[in-house]
mmCIF file of all heavy atoms, coordinates in Angstrom:
data_MODEL
# 
_entry.id   MODEL 
# 
loop_
_atom_site.group_PDB 
_atom_site.id 
_atom_site.type_symbol 
_atom_site.label_atom_id 
_atom_site.label_alt_id 
_atom_site.label_comp_id 
_atom_site.label_asym_id 
_atom_site.label_entity_id 
_atom_site.label_seq_id 
_atom_site.pdbx_PDB_ins_code 
_atom_site.Cartn_x 
_atom_site.Cartn_y 
_atom_site.Cartn_z 
_atom_site.occupancy 
_atom_site.B_iso_or_equiv 
_atom_site.pdbx_formal_charge 
_atom_site.auth_seq_id 
_atom_site.auth_comp_id 
_atom_site.auth_asym_id 
_atom_site.auth_atom_id 
_atom_site.pdbx_PDB_model_num 
ATOM 1   N N   . GLN A 1 1  ? 95.760  77.937 73.788 1.00 0.00 ? 1  GLN A N   1 
ATOM 2   C CA  . GLN A 1 1  ? 96.957  77.488 72.999 1.00 0.00 ? 1  GLN A CA  1 
ATOM 3   C C   . GLN A 1 1  ? 97.435  76.055 73.355 1.00 0.00 ? 1  GLN A C   1 
ATOM 4   O O   . GLN A 1 1  ? 97.617  75.680 74.508 1.00 0.00 ? 1  GLN A O   1 
ATOM 5   C CB  . GLN A 1 1  ? 98.137  78.354 73.251 1.00 0.00 ? 1  GLN A CB  1 
ATOM 6   C CG  . GLN A 1 1  ? 99.433  78.052 72.446 1.00 0.00 ? 1  GLN A CG  1 
ATOM 7   C CD  . GLN A 1 1  ? 99.231  78.539 71.008 1.00 0.00 ? 1  GLN A CD  1 
ATOM 8   O OE1 . GLN A 1 1  ? 98.711  79.576 70.708 1.00 0.00 ? 1  GLN A OE1 1 
ATOM 9   N NE2 . GLN A 1 1  ? 99.599  77.699 70.023 1.00 0.00 ? 1  GLN A NE2 1 
ATOM 10  N N   . THR A 1 2  ? 97.294  75.147 72.311 1.00 0.00 ? 2  THR A N   1 
ATOM 11  C CA  . THR A 1 2  ? 97.569  73.739 72.576 1.00 0.00 ? 2  THR A CA  1 
ATOM 12  C C   . THR A 1 2  ? 98.862  73.336 71.884 1.00 0.00 ? 2  THR A C   1 
ATOM 13  O O   . THR A 1 2  ? 99.264  74.031 70.899 1.00 0.00 ? 2  THR A O   1 
ATOM 14  C CB  . THR A 1 2  ? 96.449  72.860 72.138 1.00 0.00 ? 2  THR A CB  1 
ATOM 15  O OG1 . THR A 1 2  ? 96.324  73.005 70.676 1.00 0.00 ? 2  THR A OG1 1 
ATOM 16  C CG2 . THR A 1 2  ? 95.129  73.280 72.766 1.00 0.00 ? 2  THR A CG2 1 
ATOM 17  N N   . HIS A 1 3  ? 99.543  72.375 72.339 1.00 0.00 ? 3  HIS A N   1 
ATOM 18  C CA  . HIS A 1 3  ? 100.758 71.750 71.753 1.00 0.00 ? 3  HIS A CA  1 
ATOM 19  C C   . HIS A 1 3  ? 101.884 72.984 71.544 1.00 0.00 ? 3  HIS A C   1 
ATOM 20  O O   . HIS A 1 3  ? 102.527 72.949 70.510 1.00 0.00 ? 3  HIS A O   1 
ATOM 21  C CB  . HIS A 1 3  ? 100.499 71.038 70.461 1.00 0.00 ? 3  HIS A CB  1 
ATOM 22  C CG  . HIS A 1 3  ? 99.717  69.893 70.628 1.00 0.00 ? 3  HIS A CG  1 
ATOM 23  N ND1 . HIS A 1 3  ? 98.353  69.983 70.599 1.00 0.00 ? 3  HIS A ND1 1 
ATOM 24  C CD2 . HIS A 1 3  ? 99.970  68.515 70.635 1.00 0.00 ? 3  HIS A CD2 1 
ATOM 25  C CE1 . HIS A 1 3  ? 97.816  68.811 70.806 1.00 0.00 ? 3  HIS A CE1 1 
ATOM 26  N NE2 . HIS A 1 3  ? 98.748  67.838 70.841 1.00 0.00 ? 3  HIS A NE2 1 
ATOM 27  N N   . ALA A 1 4  ? 101.980 73.787 72.592 1.00 0.00 ? 4  ALA A N   1 
ATOM 28  C CA  . ALA A 1 4  ? 102.937 74.955 72.485 1.00 0.00 ? 4  ALA A CA  1 
ATOM 29  C C   . ALA A 1 4  ? 104.268 74.398 72.788 1.00 0.00 ? 4  ALA A C   1 
ATOM 30  O O   . ALA A 1 4  ? 104.452 73.570 73.787 1.00 0.00 ? 4  ALA A O   1 
ATOM 31  C CB  . ALA A 1 4  ? 102.495 76.045 73.400 1.00 0.00 ? 4  ALA A CB  1 
ATOM 32  N N   . THR A 1 5  ? 105.264 74.871 72.089 1.00 0.00 ? 5  THR A N   1 
ATOM 33  C CA  . THR A 1 5  ? 106.679 74.605 72.379 1.00 0.00 ? 5  THR A CA  1 
ATOM 34  C C   . THR A 1 5  ? 107.364 75.865 72.826 1.00 0.00 ? 5  THR A C   1 
ATOM 35  O O   . THR A 1 5  ? 106.773 76.939 72.747 1.00 0.00 ? 5  THR A O   1 
ATOM 36  C CB  . THR A 1 5  ? 107.404 73.922 71.148 1.00 0.00 ? 5  THR A CB  1 
ATOM 37  O OG1 . THR A 1 5  ? 107.485 74.892 70.139 1.00 0.00 ? 5  THR A OG1 1 
ATOM 38  C CG2 . THR A 1 5  ? 106.704 72.620 70.648 1.00 0.00 ? 5  THR A CG2 1 
ATOM 39  N N   . ARG A 1 6  ? 108.623 75.669 73.147 1.00 0.00 ? 6  ARG A N   1 
ATOM 40  C CA  . ARG A 1 6  ? 109.321 76.906 73.553 1.00 0.00 ? 6  ARG A CA  1 
ATOM 41  C C   . ARG A 1 6  ? 109.621 77.943 72.500 1.00 0.00 ? 6  ARG A C   1 
ATOM 42  O O   . ARG A 1 6  ? 109.873 79.048 72.692 1.00 0.00 ? 6  ARG A O   1 
ATOM 43  C CB  . ARG A 1 6  ? 110.723 76.595 74.266 1.00 0.00 ? 6  ARG A CB  1 
ATOM 44  C CG  . ARG A 1 6  ? 110.568 75.719 75.473 1.00 0.00 ? 6  ARG A CG  1 
ATOM 45  C CD  . ARG A 1 6  ? 111.934 75.393 76.064 1.00 0.00 ? 6  ARG A CD  1 
ATOM 46  N NE  . ARG A 1 6  ? 111.763 74.440 77.296 1.00 0.00 ? 6  ARG A NE  1 
ATOM 47  C CZ  . ARG A 1 6  ? 111.563 74.912 78.543 1.00 0.00 ? 6  ARG A CZ  1 
ATOM 48  N NH1 . ARG A 1 6  ? 111.590 76.195 78.779 1.00 0.00 ? 6  ARG A NH1 1 
ATOM 49  N NH2 . ARG A 1 6  ? 111.456 74.036 79.422 1.00 0.00 ? 6  ARG A NH2 1 
ATOM 50  N N   . THR A 1 7  ? 109.505 77.400 71.255 1.00 0.00 ? 7  THR A N   1 
ATOM 51  C CA  . THR A 1 7  ? 109.642 78.345 70.111 1.00 0.00 ? 7  THR A CA  1 
ATOM 52  C C   . THR A 1 7  ? 108.377 78.878 69.604 1.00 0.00 ? 7  THR A C   1 
ATOM 53  O O   . THR A 1 7  ? 108.275 79.550 68.533 1.00 0.00 ? 7  THR A O   1 
ATOM 54  C CB  . THR A 1 7  ? 110.442 77.648 69.021 1.00 0.00 ? 7  THR A CB  1 
ATOM 55  O OG1 . THR A 1 7  ? 109.732 76.375 68.551 1.00 0.00 ? 7  THR A OG1 1 
ATOM 56  C CG2 . THR A 1 7  ? 111.839 77.259 69.543 1.00 0.00 ? 7  THR A CG2 1 
ATOM 57  N N   . THR A 1 8  ? 107.183 78.507 70.174 1.00 0.00 ? 8  THR A N   1 
ATOM 58  C CA  . THR A 1 8  ? 105.843 78.890 69.629 1.00 0.00 ? 8  THR A CA  1 
ATOM 59  C C   . THR A 1 8  ? 105.795 80.471 69.840 1.00 0.00 ? 8  THR A C   1 
ATOM 60  O O   . THR A 1 8  ? 106.176 81.068 70.899 1.00 0.00 ? 8  THR A O   1 
ATOM 61  C CB  . THR A 1 8  ? 104.705 78.211 70.340 1.00 0.00 ? 8  THR A CB  1 
ATOM 62  O OG1 . THR A 1 8  ? 104.872 76.775 70.187 1.00 0.00 ? 8  THR A OG1 1 
ATOM 63  C CG2 . THR A 1 8  ? 103.452 78.676 69.843 1.00 0.00 ? 8  THR A CG2 1 
ATOM 64  N N   . PHE A 1 9  ? 105.187 81.115 68.742 1.00 0.00 ? 9  PHE A N   1 
ATOM 65  C CA  . PHE A 1 9  ? 104.857 82.520 68.974 1.00 0.00 ? 9  PHE A CA  1 
ATOM 66  C C   . PHE A 1 9  ? 103.437 82.735 69.226 1.00 0.00 ? 9  PHE A C   1 
ATOM 67  O O   . PHE A 1 9  ? 102.571 82.232 68.507 1.00 0.00 ? 9  PHE A O   1 
ATOM 68  C CB  . PHE A 1 9  ? 105.145 83.219 67.612 1.00 0.00 ? 9  PHE A CB  1 
ATOM 69  C CG  . PHE A 1 9  ? 104.734 84.661 67.557 1.00 0.00 ? 9  PHE A CG  1 
ATOM 70  C CD1 . PHE A 1 9  ? 105.391 85.592 68.263 1.00 0.00 ? 9  PHE A CD1 1 
ATOM 71  C CD2 . PHE A 1 9  ? 103.702 85.083 66.862 1.00 0.00 ? 9  PHE A CD2 1 
ATOM 72  C CE1 . PHE A 1 9  ? 105.053 86.993 68.245 1.00 0.00 ? 9  PHE A CE1 1 
ATOM 73  C CE2 . PHE A 1 9  ? 103.154 86.454 66.855 1.00 0.00 ? 9  PHE A CE2 1 
ATOM 74  C CZ  . PHE A 1 9  ? 103.964 87.345 67.512 1.00 0.00 ? 9  PHE A CZ  1 
ATOM 75  N N   . ILE A 1 10 ? 103.014 83.437 70.286 1.00 0.00 ? 10 ILE A N   1 
ATOM 76  C CA  . ILE A 1 10 ? 101.762 83.728 70.676 1.00 0.00 ? 10 ILE A CA  1 
ATOM 77  C C   . ILE A 1 10 ? 101.437 85.192 70.429 1.00 0.00 ? 10 ILE A C   1 
ATOM 78  O O   . ILE A 1 10 ? 102.082 86.010 71.161 1.00 0.00 ? 10 ILE A O   1 
ATOM 79  C CB  . ILE A 1 10 ? 101.462 83.261 72.169 1.00 0.00 ? 10 ILE A CB  1 
ATOM 80  C CG1 . ILE A 1 10 ? 101.766 81.810 72.400 1.00 0.00 ? 10 ILE A CG1 1 
ATOM 81  C CG2 . ILE A 1 10 ? 100.075 83.607 72.544 1.00 0.00 ? 10 ILE A CG2 1 
ATOM 82  C CD1 . ILE A 1 10 ? 101.494 81.318 73.787 1.00 0.00 ? 10 ILE A CD1 1 
ATOM 83  N N   . ASP A 1 11 ? 100.540 85.562 69.536 1.00 0.00 ? 11 ASP A N   1 
ATOM 84  C CA  . ASP A 1 11 ? 100.327 86.876 69.210 1.00 0.00 ? 11 ASP A CA  1 
ATOM 85  C C   . ASP A 1 11 ? 99.928  87.685 70.460 1.00 0.00 ? 11 ASP A C   1 
ATOM 86  O O   . ASP A 1 11 ? 99.162  87.287 71.307 1.00 0.00 ? 11 ASP A O   1 
ATOM 87  C CB  . ASP A 1 11 ? 99.157  86.973 68.214 1.00 0.00 ? 11 ASP A CB  1 
ATOM 88  C CG  . ASP A 1 11 ? 99.013  88.330 67.654 1.00 0.00 ? 11 ASP A CG  1 
ATOM 89  O OD1 . ASP A 1 11 ? 100.042 89.049 67.619 1.00 0.00 ? 11 ASP A OD1 1 
ATOM 90  O OD2 . ASP A 1 11 ? 97.910  88.669 67.208 1.00 0.00 ? 11 ASP A OD2 1 
ATOM 91  N N   . GLY A 1 12 ? 100.530 88.862 70.583 1.00 0.00 ? 12 GLY A N   1 
ATOM 92  C CA  . GLY A 1 12 ? 100.212 89.706 71.631 1.00 0.00 ? 12 GLY A CA  1 
ATOM 93  C C   . GLY A 1 12 ? 100.973 89.608 72.911 1.00 0.00 ? 12 GLY A C   1 
ATOM 94  O O   . GLY A 1 12 ? 100.762 90.213 73.879 1.00 0.00 ? 12 GLY A O   1 
ATOM 95  N N   . THR A 1 13 ? 101.930 88.687 72.838 1.00 0.00 ? 13 THR A N   1 
ATOM 96  C CA  . THR A 1 13 ? 102.740 88.364 74.063 1.00 0.00 ? 13 THR A CA  1 
ATOM 97  C C   . THR A 1 13 ? 104.187 88.548 73.752 1.00 0.00 ? 13 THR A C   1 
ATOM 98  O O   . THR A 1 13 ? 104.680 88.535 72.627 1.00 0.00 ? 13 THR A O   1 
ATOM 99  C CB  . THR A 1 13 ? 102.546 86.865 74.547 1.00 0.00 ? 13 THR A CB  1 
ATOM 100 O OG1 . THR A 1 13 ? 103.078 86.057 73.597 1.00 0.00 ? 13 THR A OG1 1 
ATOM 101 C CG2 . THR A 1 13 ? 101.101 86.705 74.917 1.00 0.00 ? 13 THR A CG2 1 
ATOM 102 N N   . ALA A 1 14 ? 104.963 88.907 74.807 1.00 0.00 ? 14 ALA A N   1 
ATOM 103 C CA  . ALA A 1 14 ? 106.459 89.024 74.711 1.00 0.00 ? 14 ALA A CA  1 
ATOM 104 C C   . ALA A 1 14 ? 107.151 87.627 74.781 1.00 0.00 ? 14 ALA A C   1 
ATOM 105 O O   . ALA A 1 14 ? 106.500 86.691 75.370 1.00 0.00 ? 14 ALA A O   1 
ATOM 106 C CB  . ALA A 1 14 ? 107.013 89.907 75.781 1.00 0.00 ? 14 ALA A CB  1 
ATOM 107 N N   . PRO A 1 15 ? 108.312 87.407 74.183 1.00 0.00 ? 15 PRO A N   1 
ATOM 108 C CA  . PRO A 1 15 ? 109.025 86.102 74.335 1.00 0.00 ? 15 PRO A CA  1 
ATOM 109 C C   . PRO A 1 15 ? 109.140 85.678 75.744 1.00 0.00 ? 15 PRO A C   1 
ATOM 110 O O   . PRO A 1 15 ? 109.145 84.452 76.046 1.00 0.00 ? 15 PRO A O   1 
ATOM 111 C CB  . PRO A 1 15 ? 110.364 86.451 73.654 1.00 0.00 ? 15 PRO A CB  1 
ATOM 112 C CG  . PRO A 1 15 ? 110.146 87.653 72.782 1.00 0.00 ? 15 PRO A CG  1 
ATOM 113 C CD  . PRO A 1 15 ? 109.088 88.442 73.474 1.00 0.00 ? 15 PRO A CD  1 
ATOM 114 N N   . GLU A 1 16 ? 109.351 86.617 76.684 1.00 0.00 ? 16 GLU A N   1 
ATOM 115 C CA  . GLU A 1 16 ? 109.522 86.178 78.061 1.00 0.00 ? 16 GLU A CA  1 
ATOM 116 C C   . GLU A 1 16 ? 108.319 85.474 78.708 1.00 0.00 ? 16 GLU A C   1 
ATOM 117 O O   . GLU A 1 16 ? 108.374 84.815 79.642 1.00 0.00 ? 16 GLU A O   1 
ATOM 118 C CB  . GLU A 1 16 ? 109.904 87.349 78.883 1.00 0.00 ? 16 GLU A CB  1 
ATOM 119 C CG  . GLU A 1 16 ? 111.240 87.988 78.638 1.00 0.00 ? 16 GLU A CG  1 
ATOM 120 C CD  . GLU A 1 16 ? 111.232 88.870 77.438 1.00 0.00 ? 16 GLU A CD  1 
ATOM 121 O OE1 . GLU A 1 16 ? 110.080 89.132 76.849 1.00 0.00 ? 16 GLU A OE1 1 
ATOM 122 O OE2 . GLU A 1 16 ? 112.370 89.289 76.885 1.00 0.00 ? 16 GLU A OE2 1 
ATOM 123 N N   . PHE A 1 17 ? 107.113 85.736 78.148 1.00 0.00 ? 17 PHE A N   1 
ATOM 124 C CA  . PHE A 1 17 ? 105.859 85.310 78.601 1.00 0.00 ? 17 PHE A CA  1 
ATOM 125 C C   . PHE A 1 17 ? 105.917 83.758 78.513 1.00 0.00 ? 17 PHE A C   1 
ATOM 126 O O   . PHE A 1 17 ? 105.558 83.008 79.481 1.00 0.00 ? 17 PHE A O   1 
ATOM 127 C CB  . PHE A 1 17 ? 104.633 85.807 77.824 1.00 0.00 ? 17 PHE A CB  1 
ATOM 128 C CG  . PHE A 1 17 ? 103.454 85.078 78.127 1.00 0.00 ? 17 PHE A CG  1 
ATOM 129 C CD1 . PHE A 1 17 ? 102.751 85.133 79.390 1.00 0.00 ? 17 PHE A CD1 1 
ATOM 130 C CD2 . PHE A 1 17 ? 102.763 84.215 77.145 1.00 0.00 ? 17 PHE A CD2 1 
ATOM 131 C CE1 . PHE A 1 17 ? 101.585 84.419 79.580 1.00 0.00 ? 17 PHE A CE1 1 
ATOM 132 C CE2 . PHE A 1 17 ? 101.646 83.652 77.423 1.00 0.00 ? 17 PHE A CE2 1 
ATOM 133 C CZ  . PHE A 1 17 ? 100.913 83.696 78.657 1.00 0.00 ? 17 PHE A CZ  1 
ATOM 134 N N   . LEU A 1 18 ? 106.248 83.203 77.379 1.00 0.00 ? 18 LEU A N   1 
ATOM 135 C CA  . LEU A 1 18 ? 106.251 81.771 77.175 1.00 0.00 ? 18 LEU A CA  1 
ATOM 136 C C   . LEU A 1 18 ? 107.313 81.080 78.053 1.00 0.00 ? 18 LEU A C   1 
ATOM 137 O O   . LEU A 1 18 ? 107.098 79.999 78.469 1.00 0.00 ? 18 LEU A O   1 
ATOM 138 C CB  . LEU A 1 18 ? 106.545 81.394 75.715 1.00 0.00 ? 18 LEU A CB  1 
ATOM 139 C CG  . LEU A 1 18 ? 106.027 80.105 75.247 1.00 0.00 ? 18 LEU A CG  1 
ATOM 140 C CD1 . LEU A 1 18 ? 104.475 79.932 75.423 1.00 0.00 ? 18 LEU A CD1 1 
ATOM 141 C CD2 . LEU A 1 18 ? 106.289 79.899 73.660 1.00 0.00 ? 18 LEU A CD2 1 
ATOM 142 N N   . ALA A 1 19 ? 108.502 81.778 78.264 1.00 0.00 ? 19 ALA A N   1 
ATOM 143 C CA  . ALA A 1 19 ? 109.440 81.265 79.218 1.00 0.00 ? 19 ALA A CA  1 
ATOM 144 C C   . ALA A 1 19 ? 108.945 81.146 80.601 1.00 0.00 ? 19 ALA A C   1 
ATOM 145 O O   . ALA A 1 19 ? 109.150 80.139 81.256 1.00 0.00 ? 19 ALA A O   1 
ATOM 146 C CB  . ALA A 1 19 ? 110.694 82.155 79.165 1.00 0.00 ? 19 ALA A CB  1 
ATOM 147 N N   . THR A 1 20 ? 108.133 82.099 81.031 1.00 0.00 ? 20 THR A N   1 
ATOM 148 C CA  . THR A 1 20 ? 107.519 82.011 82.337 1.00 0.00 ? 20 THR A CA  1 
ATOM 149 C C   . THR A 1 20 ? 106.495 80.911 82.412 1.00 0.00 ? 20 THR A C   1 
ATOM 150 O O   . THR A 1 20 ? 106.521 80.142 83.425 1.00 0.00 ? 20 THR A O   1 
ATOM 151 C CB  . THR A 1 20 ? 106.666 83.435 82.636 1.00 0.00 ? 20 THR A CB  1 
ATOM 152 O OG1 . THR A 1 20 ? 107.647 84.469 82.511 1.00 0.00 ? 20 THR A OG1 1 
ATOM 153 C CG2 . THR A 1 20 ? 106.138 83.337 84.043 1.00 0.00 ? 20 THR A CG2 1 
ATOM 154 N N   . VAL A 1 21 ? 105.742 80.737 81.339 1.00 0.00 ? 21 VAL A N   1 
ATOM 155 C CA  . VAL A 1 21 ? 104.702 79.585 81.304 1.00 0.00 ? 21 VAL A CA  1 
ATOM 156 C C   . VAL A 1 21 ? 105.451 78.268 81.451 1.00 0.00 ? 21 VAL A C   1 
ATOM 157 O O   . VAL A 1 21 ? 104.996 77.311 82.161 1.00 0.00 ? 21 VAL A O   1 
ATOM 158 C CB  . VAL A 1 21 ? 103.907 79.633 79.982 1.00 0.00 ? 21 VAL A CB  1 
ATOM 159 C CG1 . VAL A 1 21 ? 103.095 78.396 79.873 1.00 0.00 ? 21 VAL A CG1 1 
ATOM 160 C CG2 . VAL A 1 21 ? 102.996 80.902 79.981 1.00 0.00 ? 21 VAL A CG2 1 
ATOM 161 N N   . PHE A 1 22 ? 106.574 78.018 80.769 1.00 0.00 ? 22 PHE A N   1 
ATOM 162 C CA  . PHE A 1 22 ? 107.276 76.789 80.795 1.00 0.00 ? 22 PHE A CA  1 
ATOM 163 C C   . PHE A 1 22 ? 107.946 76.597 82.136 1.00 0.00 ? 22 PHE A C   1 
ATOM 164 O O   . PHE A 1 22 ? 108.366 75.396 82.430 1.00 0.00 ? 22 PHE A O   1 
ATOM 165 C CB  . PHE A 1 22 ? 108.407 76.742 79.618 1.00 0.00 ? 22 PHE A CB  1 
ATOM 166 C CG  . PHE A 1 22 ? 107.821 76.124 78.407 1.00 0.00 ? 22 PHE A CG  1 
ATOM 167 C CD1 . PHE A 1 22 ? 107.118 76.919 77.446 1.00 0.00 ? 22 PHE A CD1 1 
ATOM 168 C CD2 . PHE A 1 22 ? 107.790 74.810 78.126 1.00 0.00 ? 22 PHE A CD2 1 
ATOM 169 C CE1 . PHE A 1 22 ? 106.657 76.301 76.228 1.00 0.00 ? 22 PHE A CE1 1 
ATOM 170 C CE2 . PHE A 1 22 ? 107.302 74.175 77.013 1.00 0.00 ? 22 PHE A CE2 1 
ATOM 171 C CZ  . PHE A 1 22 ? 106.714 75.033 76.118 1.00 0.00 ? 22 PHE A CZ  1 
ATOM 172 N N   . GLY A 1 23 ? 108.029 77.610 82.917 1.00 0.00 ? 23 GLY A N   1 
ATOM 173 C CA  . GLY A 1 23 ? 108.614 77.437 84.333 1.00 0.00 ? 23 GLY A CA  1 
ATOM 174 C C   . GLY A 1 23 ? 107.540 77.035 85.344 1.00 0.00 ? 23 GLY A C   1 
ATOM 175 O O   . GLY A 1 23 ? 107.894 76.737 86.481 1.00 0.00 ? 23 GLY A O   1 
ATOM 176 N N   . ALA A 1 24 ? 106.326 76.947 84.895 1.00 0.00 ? 24 ALA A N   1 
ATOM 177 C CA  . ALA A 1 24 ? 105.133 76.592 85.772 1.00 0.00 ? 24 ALA A CA  1 
ATOM 178 C C   . ALA A 1 24 ? 104.942 75.016 85.810 1.00 0.00 ? 24 ALA A C   1 
ATOM 179 O O   . ALA A 1 24 ? 105.321 74.336 84.926 1.00 0.00 ? 24 ALA A O   1 
ATOM 180 C CB  . ALA A 1 24 ? 103.872 77.295 85.327 1.00 0.00 ? 24 ALA A CB  1 
ATOM 181 N N   . GLN A 1 25 ? 104.215 74.621 86.850 1.00 0.00 ? 25 GLN A N   1 
ATOM 182 C CA  . GLN A 1 25 ? 103.939 73.162 86.934 1.00 0.00 ? 25 GLN A CA  1 
ATOM 183 C C   . GLN A 1 25 ? 102.462 72.932 86.287 1.00 0.00 ? 25 GLN A C   1 
ATOM 184 O O   . GLN A 1 25 ? 101.732 73.900 86.122 1.00 0.00 ? 25 GLN A O   1 
ATOM 185 C CB  . GLN A 1 25 ? 103.912 72.816 88.417 1.00 0.00 ? 25 GLN A CB  1 
ATOM 186 C CG  . GLN A 1 25 ? 105.271 73.120 89.066 1.00 0.00 ? 25 GLN A CG  1 
ATOM 187 C CD  . GLN A 1 25 ? 106.282 72.197 88.491 1.00 0.00 ? 25 GLN A CD  1 
ATOM 188 O OE1 . GLN A 1 25 ? 106.125 71.047 88.187 1.00 0.00 ? 25 GLN A OE1 1 
ATOM 189 N NE2 . GLN A 1 25 ? 107.611 72.799 88.405 1.00 0.00 ? 25 GLN A NE2 1 
ATOM 190 N N   . LYS A 1 26 ? 102.223 71.764 86.165 1.00 0.00 ? 26 LYS A N   1 
ATOM 191 C CA  . LYS A 1 26 ? 100.820 71.336 85.612 1.00 0.00 ? 26 LYS A CA  1 
ATOM 192 C C   . LYS A 1 26 ? 99.757  71.665 86.637 1.00 0.00 ? 26 LYS A C   1 
ATOM 193 O O   . LYS A 1 26 ? 99.888  71.433 87.917 1.00 0.00 ? 26 LYS A O   1 
ATOM 194 C CB  . LYS A 1 26 ? 100.853 69.893 85.409 1.00 0.00 ? 26 LYS A CB  1 
ATOM 195 C CG  . LYS A 1 26 ? 99.467  69.272 84.879 1.00 0.00 ? 26 LYS A CG  1 
ATOM 196 C CD  . LYS A 1 26 ? 99.574  67.827 84.636 1.00 0.00 ? 26 LYS A CD  1 
ATOM 197 C CE  . LYS A 1 26 ? 98.303  67.304 84.203 1.00 0.00 ? 26 LYS A CE  1 
ATOM 198 N NZ  . LYS A 1 26 ? 98.212  65.827 83.868 1.00 0.00 ? 26 LYS A NZ  1 
ATOM 199 N N   . GLY A 1 27 ? 98.754  72.396 86.055 1.00 0.00 ? 27 GLY A N   1 
ATOM 200 C CA  . GLY A 1 27 ? 97.636  72.854 86.945 1.00 0.00 ? 27 GLY A CA  1 
ATOM 201 C C   . GLY A 1 27 ? 97.921  74.191 87.617 1.00 0.00 ? 27 GLY A C   1 
ATOM 202 O O   . GLY A 1 27 ? 97.002  74.645 88.266 1.00 0.00 ? 27 GLY A O   1 
ATOM 203 N N   . GLN A 1 28 ? 99.026  74.790 87.408 1.00 0.00 ? 28 GLN A N   1 
ATOM 204 C CA  . GLN A 1 28 ? 99.376  76.009 88.079 1.00 0.00 ? 28 GLN A CA  1 
ATOM 205 C C   . GLN A 1 28 ? 98.913  77.187 87.227 1.00 0.00 ? 28 GLN A C   1 
ATOM 206 O O   . GLN A 1 28 ? 98.882  77.231 86.016 1.00 0.00 ? 28 GLN A O   1 
ATOM 207 C CB  . GLN A 1 28 ? 100.887 76.172 88.238 1.00 0.00 ? 28 GLN A CB  1 
ATOM 208 C CG  . GLN A 1 28 ? 101.426 77.461 89.006 1.00 0.00 ? 28 GLN A CG  1 
ATOM 209 C CD  . GLN A 1 28 ? 102.900 77.453 89.220 1.00 0.00 ? 28 GLN A CD  1 
ATOM 210 O OE1 . GLN A 1 28 ? 103.546 76.477 88.846 1.00 0.00 ? 28 GLN A OE1 1 
ATOM 211 N NE2 . GLN A 1 28 ? 103.335 78.509 89.817 1.00 0.00 ? 28 GLN A NE2 1 
# 
């Protein structure tokens, strides 16, 4: 998934998944 924003919908995932991703650091 490229150029994802906090409002991006990723099929097969819950909304909390993207929030977890945005809490990570680069390379993590």
